[in-house]
Amino acid sequence: MADTLTISITLPREIVALLGAPSQASETAREYVILGLFQDARISGGKAAQLLGLTRSGFLALMTRKGIPQIRLEPEAWDAEADRIRASQ
């Protein structure tokens, strides 16, 4: 990664333990930050995959393992899609 910055965060030991072995905790935390930014629509799936060093299909597989929905629609879009389906029946 060309333009990176290292940050330090303070977490309770029990939270760090949930992230896995100490040698892997920072990488797991980094993964959660990137996935969180994706879920908040702050970065694209392509950007998240790139930051995680994954292919697009690898990123989709990670989302599946983490239980993250792969399709995000606003309530209005869901309503419009439901109306379209009902109209075609």
PDB file of N, CA and C in Angstrom:
ATOM      1  N   MET A   1       0.849  -1.182   0.000  1.00  0.00           N
ATOM      2  CA  MET A   1       0.000   0.000   0.000  1.00  0.00           C
ATOM      3  C   MET A   1       0.891   1.241   0.000  1.00  0.00           C
ATOM      4  N   ALA A   2       0.677   2.071  -0.943  1.00  0.00           N
ATOM      5  CA  ALA A   2       1.552   3.215  -1.135  1.00  0.00           C
ATOM      6  C   ALA A   2       1.386   4.268  -0.043  1.00  0.00           C
ATOM      7  N   ASP A   3       0.207   4.742   0.177  1.00  0.00           N
ATOM      8  CA  ASP A   3      -0.025   5.838   1.114  1.00  0.00           C
ATOM      9  C   ASP A   3      -0.783   5.309   2.328  1.00  0.00           C
ATOM     10  N   THR A   4      -0.057   4.867   3.343  1.00  0.00           N
ATOM     11  CA  THR A   4      -0.688   4.290   4.528  1.00  0.00           C
ATOM     12  C   THR A   4      -0.296   5.072   5.769  1.00  0.00           C
ATOM     13  N   LEU A   5      -1.050   4.846   6.807  1.00  0.00           N
ATOM     14  CA  LEU A   5      -0.818   5.472   8.095  1.00  0.00           C
ATOM     15  C   LEU A   5      -1.121   4.433   9.157  1.00  0.00           C
ATOM     16  N   THR A   6      -0.275   4.318  10.138  1.00  0.00           N
ATOM     17  CA  THR A   6      -0.505   3.384  11.231  1.00  0.00           C
ATOM     18  C   THR A   6      -1.120   4.151  12.391  1.00  0.00           C
ATOM     19  N   ILE A   7      -2.216   3.600  12.938  1.00  0.00           N
ATOM     20  CA  ILE A   7      -2.858   4.223  14.092  1.00  0.00           C
ATOM     21  C   ILE A   7      -2.816   3.252  15.266  1.00  0.00           C
ATOM     22  N   SER A   8      -2.949   3.790  16.426  1.00  0.00           N
ATOM     23  CA  SER A   8      -2.966   2.980  17.641  1.00  0.00           C
ATOM     24  C   SER A   8      -4.328   3.150  18.301  1.00  0.00           C
ATOM     25  N   ILE A   9      -4.941   2.022  18.677  1.00  0.00           N
ATOM     26  CA  ILE A   9      -6.211   2.101  19.384  1.00  0.00           C
ATOM     27  C   ILE A   9      -6.088   1.337  20.692  1.00  0.00           C
ATOM     28  N   THR A  10      -6.862   1.742  21.670  1.00  0.00           N
ATOM     29  CA  THR A  10      -6.860   1.087  22.965  1.00  0.00           C
ATOM     30  C   THR A  10      -8.170   0.342  23.125  1.00  0.00           C
ATOM     31  N   LEU A  11      -8.066  -0.956  23.407  1.00  0.00           N
ATOM     32  CA  LEU A  11      -9.243  -1.803  23.591  1.00  0.00           C
ATOM     33  C   LEU A  11      -9.056  -2.632  24.856  1.00  0.00           C
ATOM     34  N   PRO A  12     -10.154  -2.968  25.516  1.00  0.00           N
ATOM     35  CA  PRO A  12     -10.040  -3.864  26.662  1.00  0.00           C
ATOM     36  C   PRO A  12      -9.484  -5.225  26.225  1.00  0.00           C
ATOM     37  N   ARG A  13      -8.766  -5.875  27.109  1.00  0.00           N
ATOM     38  CA  ARG A  13      -8.156  -7.171  26.790  1.00  0.00           C
ATOM     39  C   ARG A  13      -9.173  -8.176  26.273  1.00  0.00           C
ATOM     40  N   GLU A  14     -10.379  -8.179  26.871  1.00  0.00           N
ATOM     41  CA  GLU A  14     -11.366  -9.173  26.443  1.00  0.00           C
ATOM     42  C   GLU A  14     -11.823  -8.935  25.002  1.00  0.00           C
ATOM     43  N   ILE A  15     -11.802  -7.695  24.554  1.00  0.00           N
ATOM     44  CA  ILE A  15     -12.148  -7.398  23.155  1.00  0.00           C
ATOM     45  C   ILE A  15     -11.004  -7.843  22.240  1.00  0.00           C
ATOM     46  N   VAL A  16      -9.788  -7.556  22.631  1.00  0.00           N
ATOM     47  CA  VAL A  16      -8.638  -7.983  21.835  1.00  0.00           C
ATOM     48  C   VAL A  16      -8.618  -9.506  21.735  1.00  0.00           C
ATOM     49  N   ALA A  17      -8.962 -10.201  22.809  1.00  0.00           N
ATOM     50  CA  ALA A  17      -9.001 -11.661  22.805  1.00  0.00           C
ATOM     51  C   ALA A  17     -10.021 -12.174  21.788  1.00  0.00           C
ATOM     52  N   LEU A  18     -11.117 -11.437  21.601  1.00  0.00           N
ATOM     53  CA  LEU A  18     -12.123 -11.835  20.615  1.00  0.00           C
ATOM     54  C   LEU A  18     -11.608 -11.718  19.187  1.00  0.00           C
ATOM     55  N   LEU A  19     -10.589 -10.916  18.994  1.00  0.00           N
ATOM     56  CA  LEU A  19     -10.014 -10.726  17.660  1.00  0.00           C
ATOM     57  C   LEU A  19      -9.069 -11.860  17.262  1.00  0.00           C
ATOM     58  N   GLY A  20      -8.758 -12.734  18.197  1.00  0.00           N
ATOM     59  CA  GLY A  20      -7.886 -13.869  17.899  1.00  0.00           C
ATOM     60  C   GLY A  20      -6.552 -13.752  18.591  1.00  0.00           C
ATOM     61  N   ALA A  21      -5.620 -14.550  18.127  1.00  0.00           N
ATOM     62  CA  ALA A  21      -4.274 -14.553  18.698  1.00  0.00           C
ATOM     63  C   ALA A  21      -3.673 -13.156  18.594  1.00  0.00           C
ATOM     64  N   PRO A  22      -2.856 -12.765  19.587  1.00  0.00           N
ATOM     65  CA  PRO A  22      -2.260 -11.417  19.548  1.00  0.00           C
ATOM     66  C   PRO A  22      -1.571 -11.095  18.225  1.00  0.00           C
ATOM     67  N   SER A  23      -0.953 -12.082  17.609  1.00  0.00           N
ATOM     68  CA  SER A  23      -0.261 -11.826  16.344  1.00  0.00           C
ATOM     69  C   SER A  23      -1.227 -11.529  15.202  1.00  0.00           C
ATOM     70  N   GLN A  24      -2.494 -11.910  15.356  1.00  0.00           N
ATOM     71  CA  GLN A  24      -3.473 -11.699  14.295  1.00  0.00           C
ATOM     72  C   GLN A  24      -4.494 -10.617  14.649  1.00  0.00           C
ATOM     73  N   ALA A  25      -4.534 -10.161  15.878  1.00  0.00           N
ATOM     74  CA  ALA A  25      -5.572  -9.237  16.333  1.00  0.00           C
ATOM     75  C   ALA A  25      -5.618  -7.949  15.511  1.00  0.00           C
ATOM     76  N   SER A  26      -4.467  -7.371  15.194  1.00  0.00           N
ATOM     77  CA  SER A  26      -4.503  -6.099  14.452  1.00  0.00           C
ATOM     78  C   SER A  26      -5.019  -6.304  13.034  1.00  0.00           C
ATOM     79  N   GLU A  27      -4.681  -7.433  12.404  1.00  0.00           N
ATOM     80  CA  GLU A  27      -5.178  -7.693  11.052  1.00  0.00           C
ATOM     81  C   GLU A  27      -6.686  -7.945  11.068  1.00  0.00           C
ATOM     82  N   THR A  28      -7.167  -8.638  12.088  1.00  0.00           N
ATOM     83  CA  THR A  28      -8.603  -8.878  12.212  1.00  0.00           C
ATOM     84  C   THR A  28      -9.333  -7.560  12.452  1.00  0.00           C
ATOM     85  N   ALA A  29      -8.777  -6.698  13.306  1.00  0.00           N
ATOM     86  CA  ALA A  29      -9.384  -5.388  13.558  1.00  0.00           C
ATOM     87  C   ALA A  29      -9.417  -4.563  12.272  1.00  0.00           C
ATOM     88  N   ARG A  30      -8.345  -4.610  11.502  1.00  0.00           N
ATOM     89  CA  ARG A  30      -8.285  -3.897  10.222  1.00  0.00           C
ATOM     90  C   ARG A  30      -9.384  -4.391   9.285  1.00  0.00           C
ATOM     91  N   GLU A  31      -9.576  -5.713   9.239  1.00  0.00           N
ATOM     92  CA  GLU A  31     -10.630  -6.295   8.411  1.00  0.00           C
ATOM     93  C   GLU A  31     -11.999  -5.762   8.832  1.00  0.00           C
ATOM     94  N   TYR A  32     -12.250  -5.732  10.145  1.00  0.00           N
ATOM     95  CA  TYR A  32     -13.536  -5.238  10.634  1.00  0.00           C
ATOM     96  C   TYR A  32     -13.740  -3.757  10.297  1.00  0.00           C
ATOM     97  N   VAL A  33     -12.686  -2.973  10.371  1.00  0.00           N
ATOM     98  CA  VAL A  33     -12.800  -1.548  10.022  1.00  0.00           C
ATOM     99  C   VAL A  33     -13.179  -1.405   8.547  1.00  0.00           C
ATOM    100  N   ILE A  34     -12.496  -2.130   7.687  1.00  0.00           N
ATOM    101  CA  ILE A  34     -12.782  -2.047   6.249  1.00  0.00           C
ATOM    102  C   ILE A  34     -14.190  -2.537   5.948  1.00  0.00           C
ATOM    103  N   LEU A  35     -14.587  -3.655   6.554  1.00  0.00           N
ATOM    104  CA  LEU A  35     -15.956  -4.156   6.343  1.00  0.00           C
ATOM    105  C   LEU A  35     -16.988  -3.163   6.870  1.00  0.00           C
ATOM    106  N   GLY A  36     -16.698  -2.523   7.983  1.00  0.00           N
ATOM    107  CA  GLY A  36     -17.606  -1.518   8.531  1.00  0.00           C
ATOM    108  C   GLY A  36     -17.761  -0.325   7.599  1.00  0.00           C
ATOM    109  N   LEU A  37     -16.650   0.123   7.016  1.00  0.00           N
ATOM    110  CA  LEU A  37     -16.720   1.232   6.056  1.00  0.00           C
ATOM    111  C   LEU A  37     -17.547   0.842   4.838  1.00  0.00           C
ATOM    112  N   PHE A  38     -17.395  -0.409   4.397  1.00  0.00           N
ATOM    113  CA  PHE A  38     -18.208  -0.892   3.283  1.00  0.00           C
ATOM    114  C   PHE A  38     -19.683  -0.918   3.674  1.00  0.00           C
ATOM    115  N   GLN A  39     -19.991  -1.473   4.846  1.00  0.00           N
ATOM    116  CA  GLN A  39     -21.385  -1.562   5.277  1.00  0.00           C
ATOM    117  C   GLN A  39     -22.019  -0.188   5.441  1.00  0.00           C
ATOM    118  N   ASP A  40     -21.230   0.795   5.827  1.00  0.00           N
ATOM    119  CA  ASP A  40     -21.739   2.160   5.973  1.00  0.00           C
ATOM    120  C   ASP A  40     -21.757   2.920   4.647  1.00  0.00           C
ATOM    121  N   ALA A  41     -21.422   2.208   3.555  1.00  0.00           N
ATOM    122  CA  ALA A  41     -21.392   2.787   2.203  1.00  0.00           C
ATOM    123  C   ALA A  41     -20.387   3.931   2.096  1.00  0.00           C
ATOM    124  N   ARG A  42     -19.312   3.853   2.864  1.00  0.00           N
ATOM    125  CA  ARG A  42     -18.258   4.873   2.791  1.00  0.00           C
ATOM    126  C   ARG A  42     -17.207   4.501   1.754  1.00  0.00           C
ATOM    127  N   ILE A  43     -17.095   3.175   1.459  1.00  0.00           N
ATOM    128  CA  ILE A  43     -16.226   2.696   0.392  1.00  0.00           C
ATOM    129  C   ILE A  43     -16.975   1.631  -0.404  1.00  0.00           C
ATOM    130  N   SER A  44     -16.557   1.418  -1.625  1.00  0.00           N
ATOM    131  CA  SER A  44     -17.201   0.422  -2.489  1.00  0.00           C
ATOM    132  C   SER A  44     -16.701  -0.981  -2.157  1.00  0.00           C
ATOM    133  N   GLY A  45     -17.422  -1.964  -2.659  1.00  0.00           N
ATOM    134  CA  GLY A  45     -16.981  -3.336  -2.502  1.00  0.00           C
ATOM    135  C   GLY A  45     -15.647  -3.572  -3.182  1.00  0.00           C
ATOM    136  N   GLY A  46     -15.454  -2.966  -4.336  1.00  0.00           N
ATOM    137  CA  GLY A  46     -14.182  -3.090  -5.044  1.00  0.00           C
ATOM    138  C   GLY A  46     -13.024  -2.520  -4.244  1.00  0.00           C
ATOM    139  N   LYS A  47     -13.248  -1.374  -3.628  1.00  0.00           N
ATOM    140  CA  LYS A  47     -12.209  -0.746  -2.809  1.00  0.00           C
ATOM    141  C   LYS A  47     -11.932  -1.597  -1.571  1.00  0.00           C
ATOM    142  N   ALA A  48     -12.987  -2.115  -0.938  1.00  0.00           N
ATOM    143  CA  ALA A  48     -12.804  -2.966   0.236  1.00  0.00           C
ATOM    144  C   ALA A  48     -12.002  -4.208  -0.134  1.00  0.00           C
ATOM    145  N   ALA A  49     -12.341  -4.830  -1.265  1.00  0.00           N
ATOM    146  CA  ALA A  49     -11.612  -6.017  -1.714  1.00  0.00           C
ATOM    147  C   ALA A  49     -10.142  -5.686  -1.934  1.00  0.00           C
ATOM    148  N   GLN A  50      -9.886  -4.565  -2.587  1.00  0.00           N
ATOM    149  CA  GLN A  50      -8.508  -4.140  -2.857  1.00  0.00           C
ATOM    150  C   GLN A  50      -7.746  -3.943  -1.547  1.00  0.00           C
ATOM    151  N   LEU A  51      -8.349  -3.237  -0.589  1.00  0.00           N
ATOM    152  CA  LEU A  51      -7.688  -2.972   0.686  1.00  0.00           C
ATOM    153  C   LEU A  51      -7.410  -4.251   1.467  1.00  0.00           C
ATOM    154  N   LEU A  52      -8.275  -5.244   1.293  1.00  0.00           N
ATOM    155  CA  LEU A  52      -8.102  -6.515   1.988  1.00  0.00           C
ATOM    156  C   LEU A  52      -7.230  -7.494   1.216  1.00  0.00           C
ATOM    157  N   GLY A  53      -6.817  -7.090   0.007  1.00  0.00           N
ATOM    158  CA  GLY A  53      -5.979  -7.960  -0.808  1.00  0.00           C
ATOM    159  C   GLY A  53      -6.731  -9.159  -1.351  1.00  0.00           C
ATOM    160  N   LEU A  54      -8.030  -8.964  -1.616  1.00  0.00           N
ATOM    161  CA  LEU A  54      -8.886 -10.040  -2.106  1.00  0.00           C
ATOM    162  C   LEU A  54      -9.353  -9.756  -3.523  1.00  0.00           C
ATOM    163  N   THR A  55      -9.691 -10.820  -4.231  1.00  0.00           N
ATOM    164  CA  THR A  55     -10.388 -10.659  -5.504  1.00  0.00           C
ATOM    165  C   THR A  55     -11.839 -10.298  -5.171  1.00  0.00           C
ATOM    166  N   ARG A  56     -12.584  -9.914  -6.191  1.00  0.00           N
ATOM    167  CA  ARG A  56     -14.009  -9.601  -5.976  1.00  0.00           C
ATOM    168  C   ARG A  56     -14.736 -10.825  -5.434  1.00  0.00           C
ATOM    169  N   SER A  57     -14.466 -11.996  -6.012  1.00  0.00           N
ATOM    170  CA  SER A  57     -15.145 -13.205  -5.524  1.00  0.00           C
ATOM    171  C   SER A  57     -14.679 -13.565  -4.115  1.00  0.00           C
ATOM    172  N   GLY A  58     -13.414 -13.318  -3.804  1.00  0.00           N
ATOM    173  CA  GLY A  58     -12.919 -13.548  -2.451  1.00  0.00           C
ATOM    174  C   GLY A  58     -13.607 -12.634  -1.450  1.00  0.00           C
ATOM    175  N   PHE A  59     -13.853 -11.384  -1.869  1.00  0.00           N
ATOM    176  CA  PHE A  59     -14.550 -10.436  -1.003  1.00  0.00           C
ATOM    177  C   PHE A  59     -15.997 -10.873  -0.786  1.00  0.00           C
ATOM    178  N   LEU A  60     -16.654 -11.334  -1.843  1.00  0.00           N
ATOM    179  CA  LEU A  60     -18.028 -11.818  -1.701  1.00  0.00           C
ATOM    180  C   LEU A  60     -18.081 -13.033  -0.775  1.00  0.00           C
ATOM    181  N   ALA A  61     -17.089 -13.905  -0.867  1.00  0.00           N
ATOM    182  CA  ALA A  61     -17.030 -15.071   0.021  1.00  0.00           C
ATOM    183  C   ALA A  61     -16.830 -14.635   1.471  1.00  0.00           C
ATOM    184  N   LEU A  62     -15.988 -13.638   1.694  1.00  0.00           N
ATOM    185  CA  LEU A  62     -15.780 -13.113   3.044  1.00  0.00           C
ATOM    186  C   LEU A  62     -17.073 -12.531   3.597  1.00  0.00           C
ATOM    187  N   MET A  63     -17.782 -11.772   2.770  1.00  0.00           N
ATOM    188  CA  MET A  63     -19.059 -11.199   3.212  1.00  0.00           C
ATOM    189  C   MET A  63     -20.035 -12.306   3.602  1.00  0.00           C
ATOM    190  N   THR A  64     -20.073 -13.375   2.819  1.00  0.00           N
ATOM    191  CA  THR A  64     -20.959 -14.499   3.131  1.00  0.00           C
ATOM    192  C   THR A  64     -20.576 -15.112   4.470  1.00  0.00           C
ATOM    193  N   ARG A  65     -19.275 -15.346   4.690  1.00  0.00           N
ATOM    194  CA  ARG A  65     -18.823 -15.915   5.959  1.00  0.00           C
ATOM    195  C   ARG A  65     -19.171 -15.028   7.143  1.00  0.00           C
ATOM    196  N   LYS A  66     -19.137 -13.715   6.933  1.00  0.00           N
ATOM    197  CA  LYS A  66     -19.417 -12.762   8.008  1.00  0.00           C
ATOM    198  C   LYS A  66     -20.904 -12.437   8.135  1.00  0.00           C
ATOM    199  N   GLY A  67     -21.739 -12.971   7.230  1.00  0.00           N
ATOM    200  CA  GLY A  67     -23.172 -12.708   7.288  1.00  0.00           C
ATOM    201  C   GLY A  67     -23.555 -11.310   6.854  1.00  0.00           C
ATOM    202  N   ILE A  68     -22.750 -10.726   5.977  1.00  0.00           N
ATOM    203  CA  ILE A  68     -23.008  -9.372   5.490  1.00  0.00           C
ATOM    204  C   ILE A  68     -23.801  -9.465   4.190  1.00  0.00           C
ATOM    205  N   PRO A  69     -24.957  -8.802   4.112  1.00  0.00           N
ATOM    206  CA  PRO A  69     -25.746  -8.843   2.874  1.00  0.00           C
ATOM    207  C   PRO A  69     -24.948  -8.287   1.692  1.00  0.00           C
ATOM    208  N   GLN A  70     -25.089  -8.942   0.560  1.00  0.00           N
ATOM    209  CA  GLN A  70     -24.355  -8.514  -0.628  1.00  0.00           C
ATOM    210  C   GLN A  70     -25.126  -7.503  -1.454  1.00  0.00           C
ATOM    211  N   ILE A  71     -26.406  -7.354  -1.178  1.00  0.00           N
ATOM    212  CA  ILE A  71     -27.226  -6.376  -1.888  1.00  0.00           C
ATOM    213  C   ILE A  71     -27.738  -5.376  -0.862  1.00  0.00           C
ATOM    214  N   ARG A  72     -27.501  -4.113  -1.146  1.00  0.00           N
ATOM    215  CA  ARG A  72     -27.971  -3.063  -0.249  1.00  0.00           C
ATOM    216  C   ARG A  72     -28.931  -2.161  -0.999  1.00  0.00           C
ATOM    217  N   LEU A  73     -30.167  -2.149  -0.550  1.00  0.00           N
ATOM    218  CA  LEU A  73     -31.158  -1.266  -1.150  1.00  0.00           C
ATOM    219  C   LEU A  73     -31.801  -0.427  -0.051  1.00  0.00           C
ATOM    220  N   GLU A  74     -32.039   0.825  -0.364  1.00  0.00           N
ATOM    221  CA  GLU A  74     -32.768   1.696   0.548  1.00  0.00           C
ATOM    222  C   GLU A  74     -34.225   1.242   0.582  1.00  0.00           C
ATOM    223  N   PRO A  75     -34.961   1.572   1.641  1.00  0.00           N
ATOM    224  CA  PRO A  75     -36.361   1.141   1.736  1.00  0.00           C
ATOM    225  C   PRO A  75     -37.188   1.499   0.501  1.00  0.00           C
ATOM    226  N   GLU A  76     -36.952   2.672  -0.062  1.00  0.00           N
ATOM    227  CA  GLU A  76     -37.710   3.084  -1.248  1.00  0.00           C
ATOM    228  C   GLU A  76     -37.403   2.169  -2.427  1.00  0.00           C
ATOM    229  N   ALA A  77     -36.143   1.763  -2.561  1.00  0.00           N
ATOM    230  CA  ALA A  77     -35.764   0.869  -3.652  1.00  0.00           C
ATOM    231  C   ALA A  77     -36.380  -0.509  -3.456  1.00  0.00           C
ATOM    232  N   TRP A  78     -36.430  -0.987  -2.198  1.00  0.00           N
ATOM    233  CA  TRP A  78     -37.089  -2.268  -1.922  1.00  0.00           C
ATOM    234  C   TRP A  78     -38.563  -2.187  -2.313  1.00  0.00           C
ATOM    235  N   ASP A  79     -39.222  -1.076  -1.934  1.00  0.00           N
ATOM    236  CA  ASP A  79     -40.637  -0.898  -2.264  1.00  0.00           C
ATOM    237  C   ASP A  79     -40.853  -0.887  -3.774  1.00  0.00           C
ATOM    238  N   ALA A  80     -39.998  -0.176  -4.497  1.00  0.00           N
ATOM    239  CA  ALA A  80     -40.114  -0.110  -5.952  1.00  0.00           C
ATOM    240  C   ALA A  80     -39.910  -1.492  -6.570  1.00  0.00           C
ATOM    241  N   GLU A  81     -38.947  -2.249  -6.050  1.00  0.00           N
ATOM    242  CA  GLU A  81     -38.694  -3.590  -6.568  1.00  0.00           C
ATOM    243  C   GLU A  81     -39.881  -4.507  -6.280  1.00  0.00           C
ATOM    244  N   ALA A  82     -40.448  -4.390  -5.076  1.00  0.00           N
ATOM    245  CA  ALA A  82     -41.618  -5.206  -4.735  1.00  0.00           C
ATOM    246  C   ALA A  82     -42.800  -4.856  -5.636  1.00  0.00           C
ATOM    247  N   ASP A  83     -42.999  -3.564  -5.908  1.00  0.00           N
ATOM    248  CA  ASP A  83     -44.074  -3.138  -6.809  1.00  0.00           C
ATOM    249  C   ASP A  83     -43.857  -3.704  -8.209  1.00  0.00           C
ATOM    250  N   ARG A  84     -42.625  -3.694  -8.685  1.00  0.00           N
ATOM    251  CA  ARG A  84     -42.294  -4.218 -10.017  1.00  0.00           C
ATOM    252  C   ARG A  84     -42.600  -5.712 -10.086  1.00  0.00           C
ATOM    253  N   ILE A  85     -42.244  -6.433  -9.047  1.00  0.00           N
ATOM    254  CA  ILE A  85     -42.512  -7.890  -9.017  1.00  0.00           C
ATOM    255  C   ILE A  85     -44.004  -8.162  -8.992  1.00  0.00           C
ATOM    256  N   ARG A  86     -44.717  -7.421  -8.146  1.00  0.00           N
ATOM    257  CA  ARG A  86     -46.177  -7.618  -8.075  1.00  0.00           C
ATOM    258  C   ARG A  86     -46.847  -7.317  -9.408  1.00  0.00           C
ATOM    259  N   ALA A  87     -46.370  -6.289 -10.101  1.00  0.00           N
ATOM    260  CA  ALA A  87     -46.960  -5.907 -11.388  1.00  0.00           C
ATOM    261  C   ALA A  87     -46.707  -6.958 -12.455  1.00  0.00           C
ATOM    262  N   SER A  88     -45.625  -7.709 -12.321  1.00  0.00           N
ATOM    263  CA  SER A  88     -45.308  -8.704 -13.351  1.00  0.00           C
ATOM    264  C   SER A  88     -46.013 -10.046 -13.108  1.00  0.00           C
ATOM    265  N   GLN A  89     -46.696 -10.178 -12.002  1.00  0.00           N
ATOM    266  CA  GLN A  89     -47.367 -11.460 -11.686  1.00  0.00           C
ATOM    267  C   GLN A  89     -48.730 -11.540 -12.293  1.00  0.00           C
TER     268      GLN A  89
END
